[in-house]
Amino acid sequence: MLKALVIDPGKCTGCKQCEMACSYENEGEFNVAKSRIRVFDFHEQGKMVPYTCTQCAEAWCQQACPVNAITTDPLSLVKVVHENLCVGCKVCTIACPFGTINYNASTGKVTKCDLCQGNPACSDACPTGAITFQDIEQTGFDKMKVWAAQAAAGSPDAPGAKAPVAKH
């Protein structure tokens, strides 16, 4: 059973408990600068949005790595950075379109979310349920892919598609 992080920005209060839990779990210290999840603050809208690696099916970070230090776990499909292979060139940080791979200056290596080997600290720490770890089939991911394909093809059955307007 594949699982994924599901983020509901409407529930996020900006408490940053997810960032603190992540940095402690992965770096052994409470330091939001070392977290693999970030809470983006949209000041003018008064909204907070957590974001982290989306574990892309065709991960640009993985393809860009010149030393193959990023691999895909065959069971979970999570993209994992192998610190022993990483040379700290940061090419993957440039390749990631979401900016979710970070350079750790204290180790000289890159870091990214690896879902805490199947038990994400961020979702456990989130007091509002803005971050949950769910069976991928319950996330609606497959439905979203179908709807996106329909929308791209101009199907009137796609959510958000506008019904034709009858002219009199």
Protein backbone atom coordinates (compact mmCIF):
# COMPACT_ATOMS: atom_id res chain seq x y z
CA MET A 1 0.00 0.00 0.00
CA LEU A 2 1.53 3.30 -1.10
CA LYS A 3 1.09 6.31 1.15
CA ALA A 4 1.53 10.03 0.62
CA LEU A 5 1.52 13.24 2.59
CA VAL A 6 -1.73 15.11 2.12
CA ILE A 7 -1.63 18.80 2.90
CA ASP A 8 -4.75 20.87 3.60
CA PRO A 9 -3.59 24.50 3.70
CA GLY A 10 -6.98 25.60 5.03
CA LYS A 11 -6.21 23.83 8.32
CA CYS A 12 -2.68 25.22 8.76
CA THR A 13 -2.27 27.79 11.55
CA GLY A 14 1.42 28.43 10.91
CA CYS A 15 2.50 26.93 14.26
CA LYS A 16 5.55 25.34 12.57
CA GLN A 17 5.31 22.21 14.70
CA CYS A 18 5.84 20.24 11.48
CA GLU A 19 9.13 22.06 10.81
CA MET A 20 10.33 21.55 14.38
CA ALA A 21 9.42 17.83 14.39
CA CYS A 22 11.10 17.31 11.02
CA SER A 23 14.36 18.97 12.02
CA TYR A 24 14.47 17.07 15.30
CA GLU A 25 13.69 13.72 13.63
CA ASN A 26 16.26 14.17 10.86
CA GLU A 27 18.94 16.43 12.36
CA GLY A 28 18.58 15.87 16.11
CA GLU A 29 17.87 19.51 16.84
CA PHE A 30 14.93 21.90 16.85
CA ASN A 31 15.98 24.19 14.01
CA VAL A 32 13.44 25.17 11.34
CA ALA A 33 16.30 26.07 8.98
CA LYS A 34 17.17 22.35 8.87
CA SER A 35 13.63 21.16 8.30
CA ARG A 36 12.69 19.25 5.14
CA ILE A 37 9.19 20.70 5.22
CA ARG A 38 8.51 24.43 5.12
CA VAL A 39 5.52 26.56 5.96
CA PHE A 40 5.13 29.33 3.42
CA ASP A 41 3.52 32.47 4.83
CA PHE A 42 1.23 34.39 2.49
CA HIS A 43 1.10 37.52 4.69
CA GLU A 44 -1.35 39.52 2.64
CA GLN A 45 -3.89 36.70 2.40
CA GLY A 46 -3.36 35.60 6.00
CA LYS A 47 -2.69 32.03 4.91
CA MET A 48 -0.01 29.50 5.73
CA VAL A 49 0.85 26.64 3.36
CA PRO A 50 3.09 23.72 4.31
CA TYR A 51 5.10 22.26 1.42
CA THR A 52 7.69 19.56 0.96
CA CYS A 53 8.94 17.12 -1.65
CA THR A 54 6.09 15.69 -3.70
CA GLN A 55 8.03 12.51 -4.57
CA CYS A 56 7.60 13.17 -8.31
CA ALA A 57 7.18 10.10 -10.50
CA GLU A 58 9.80 11.47 -12.90
CA ALA A 59 11.91 13.35 -10.40
CA TRP A 60 14.05 16.02 -12.03
CA CYS A 61 16.33 16.04 -9.00
CA GLN A 62 17.08 12.37 -9.50
CA GLN A 63 17.66 12.77 -13.22
CA ALA A 64 19.96 15.75 -12.68
CA CYS A 65 22.20 14.14 -10.06
CA PRO A 66 25.56 13.49 -11.75
CA VAL A 67 26.59 10.79 -9.25
CA ASN A 68 23.24 8.95 -8.91
CA ALA A 69 22.99 9.82 -5.22
CA ILE A 70 19.18 10.04 -5.43
CA THR A 71 17.38 6.75 -5.91
CA THR A 72 13.79 5.56 -5.75
CA ASP A 73 12.88 3.09 -3.02
CA PRO A 74 11.20 0.24 -4.93
CA LEU A 75 8.56 -0.40 -2.26
CA SER A 76 7.48 3.11 -1.27
CA LEU A 77 8.55 4.97 -4.46
CA VAL A 78 10.11 7.61 -2.20
CA LYS A 79 13.13 9.47 -3.60
CA VAL A 80 16.04 9.03 -1.20
CA VAL A 81 19.33 10.96 -1.06
CA HIS A 82 22.25 8.69 -0.24
CA GLU A 83 24.55 10.87 1.80
CA ASN A 84 27.53 8.58 1.19
CA LEU A 85 27.23 9.21 -2.57
CA CYS A 86 26.19 12.88 -2.56
CA VAL A 87 29.04 15.23 -3.45
CA GLY A 88 27.13 18.39 -2.52
CA CYS A 89 27.19 19.87 -6.03
CA LYS A 90 23.60 21.20 -5.59
CA VAL A 91 22.57 20.41 -9.18
CA CYS A 92 19.46 18.67 -7.81
CA THR A 93 18.47 21.80 -5.90
CA ILE A 94 18.48 23.72 -9.17
CA ALA A 95 16.60 20.98 -11.03
CA CYS A 96 13.75 20.72 -8.51
CA PRO A 97 10.95 22.96 -9.79
CA PHE A 98 9.43 23.18 -6.29
CA GLY A 99 12.55 24.15 -4.34
CA THR A 100 12.14 21.31 -1.88
CA ILE A 101 15.71 20.03 -1.88
CA ASN A 102 18.01 21.90 0.45
CA TYR A 103 21.75 22.14 0.93
CA ASN A 104 22.90 21.41 4.47
CA ALA A 105 26.02 23.51 5.01
CA SER A 106 27.02 21.59 8.14
CA THR A 107 27.26 18.28 6.23
CA GLY A 108 28.05 19.59 2.74
CA LYS A 109 25.26 17.37 1.39
CA VAL A 110 21.70 17.89 0.18
CA THR A 111 18.60 16.85 2.06
CA LYS A 112 15.01 16.27 1.06
CA CYS A 113 11.91 14.69 2.52
CA ASP A 114 12.06 10.91 2.59
CA LEU A 115 8.80 10.57 4.55
CA CYS A 116 10.84 9.58 7.62
CA GLN A 117 11.07 6.03 6.31
CA GLY A 118 7.28 5.64 6.38
CA ASN A 119 6.43 7.50 9.59
CA PRO A 120 6.56 11.25 8.82
CA ALA A 121 7.23 13.27 11.94
CA CYS A 122 5.52 16.31 10.41
CA SER A 123 2.14 14.61 10.15
CA ASP A 124 2.42 13.21 13.68
CA ALA A 125 3.23 16.68 15.05
CA CYS A 126 0.54 18.64 13.19
CA PRO A 127 -2.08 19.60 15.78
CA THR A 128 -4.76 20.62 13.27
CA GLY A 129 -4.59 17.76 10.77
CA ALA A 130 -3.28 20.05 8.03
CA ILE A 131 -0.68 17.37 7.24
CA THR A 132 -1.77 13.75 7.14
CA PHE A 133 -0.15 10.56 5.87
CA GLN A 134 -2.72 8.58 3.91
CA ASP A 135 -3.15 5.62 1.62
CA ILE A 136 -2.60 7.12 -1.84
CA GLU A 137 -5.88 5.64 -3.08
CA GLN A 138 -7.77 7.66 -0.47
CA THR A 139 -6.09 10.91 -1.48
CA GLY A 140 -7.97 11.13 -4.76
CA PHE A 141 -4.68 11.23 -6.67
CA ASP A 142 -5.88 8.87 -9.40
CA LYS A 143 -9.10 10.86 -9.83
CA MET A 144 -7.10 14.08 -10.11
CA LYS A 145 -4.96 12.56 -12.87
CA VAL A 146 -8.08 11.50 -14.81
CA TRP A 147 -9.71 14.91 -14.36
CA ALA A 148 -6.53 16.70 -15.42
CA ALA A 149 -6.32 14.57 -18.57
CA GLN A 150 -9.98 15.28 -19.33
CA ALA A 151 -9.52 19.00 -18.77
CA ALA A 152 -6.46 19.04 -21.02
CA ALA A 153 -8.47 17.26 -23.72
CA GLY A 154 -11.31 19.76 -23.33
CA SER A 155 -13.82 17.21 -22.00
CA PRO A 156 -17.05 18.73 -20.69
CA ASP A 157 -17.05 16.06 -17.94
CA ALA A 158 -13.93 17.46 -16.29
CA PRO A 159 -14.51 19.26 -12.96
CA GLY A 160 -14.54 22.98 -13.52
CA ALA A 161 -15.37 22.57 -17.19
CA LYS A 162 -17.94 25.09 -18.30
CA ALA A 163 -21.17 23.85 -19.73
CA PRO A 164 -22.02 25.17 -23.17
CA VAL A 165 -24.28 28.18 -23.09
CA ALA A 166 -27.42 27.92 -25.19
CA LYS A 167 -28.01 30.88 -27.44
CA HIS A 168 -31.55 32.02 -28.13
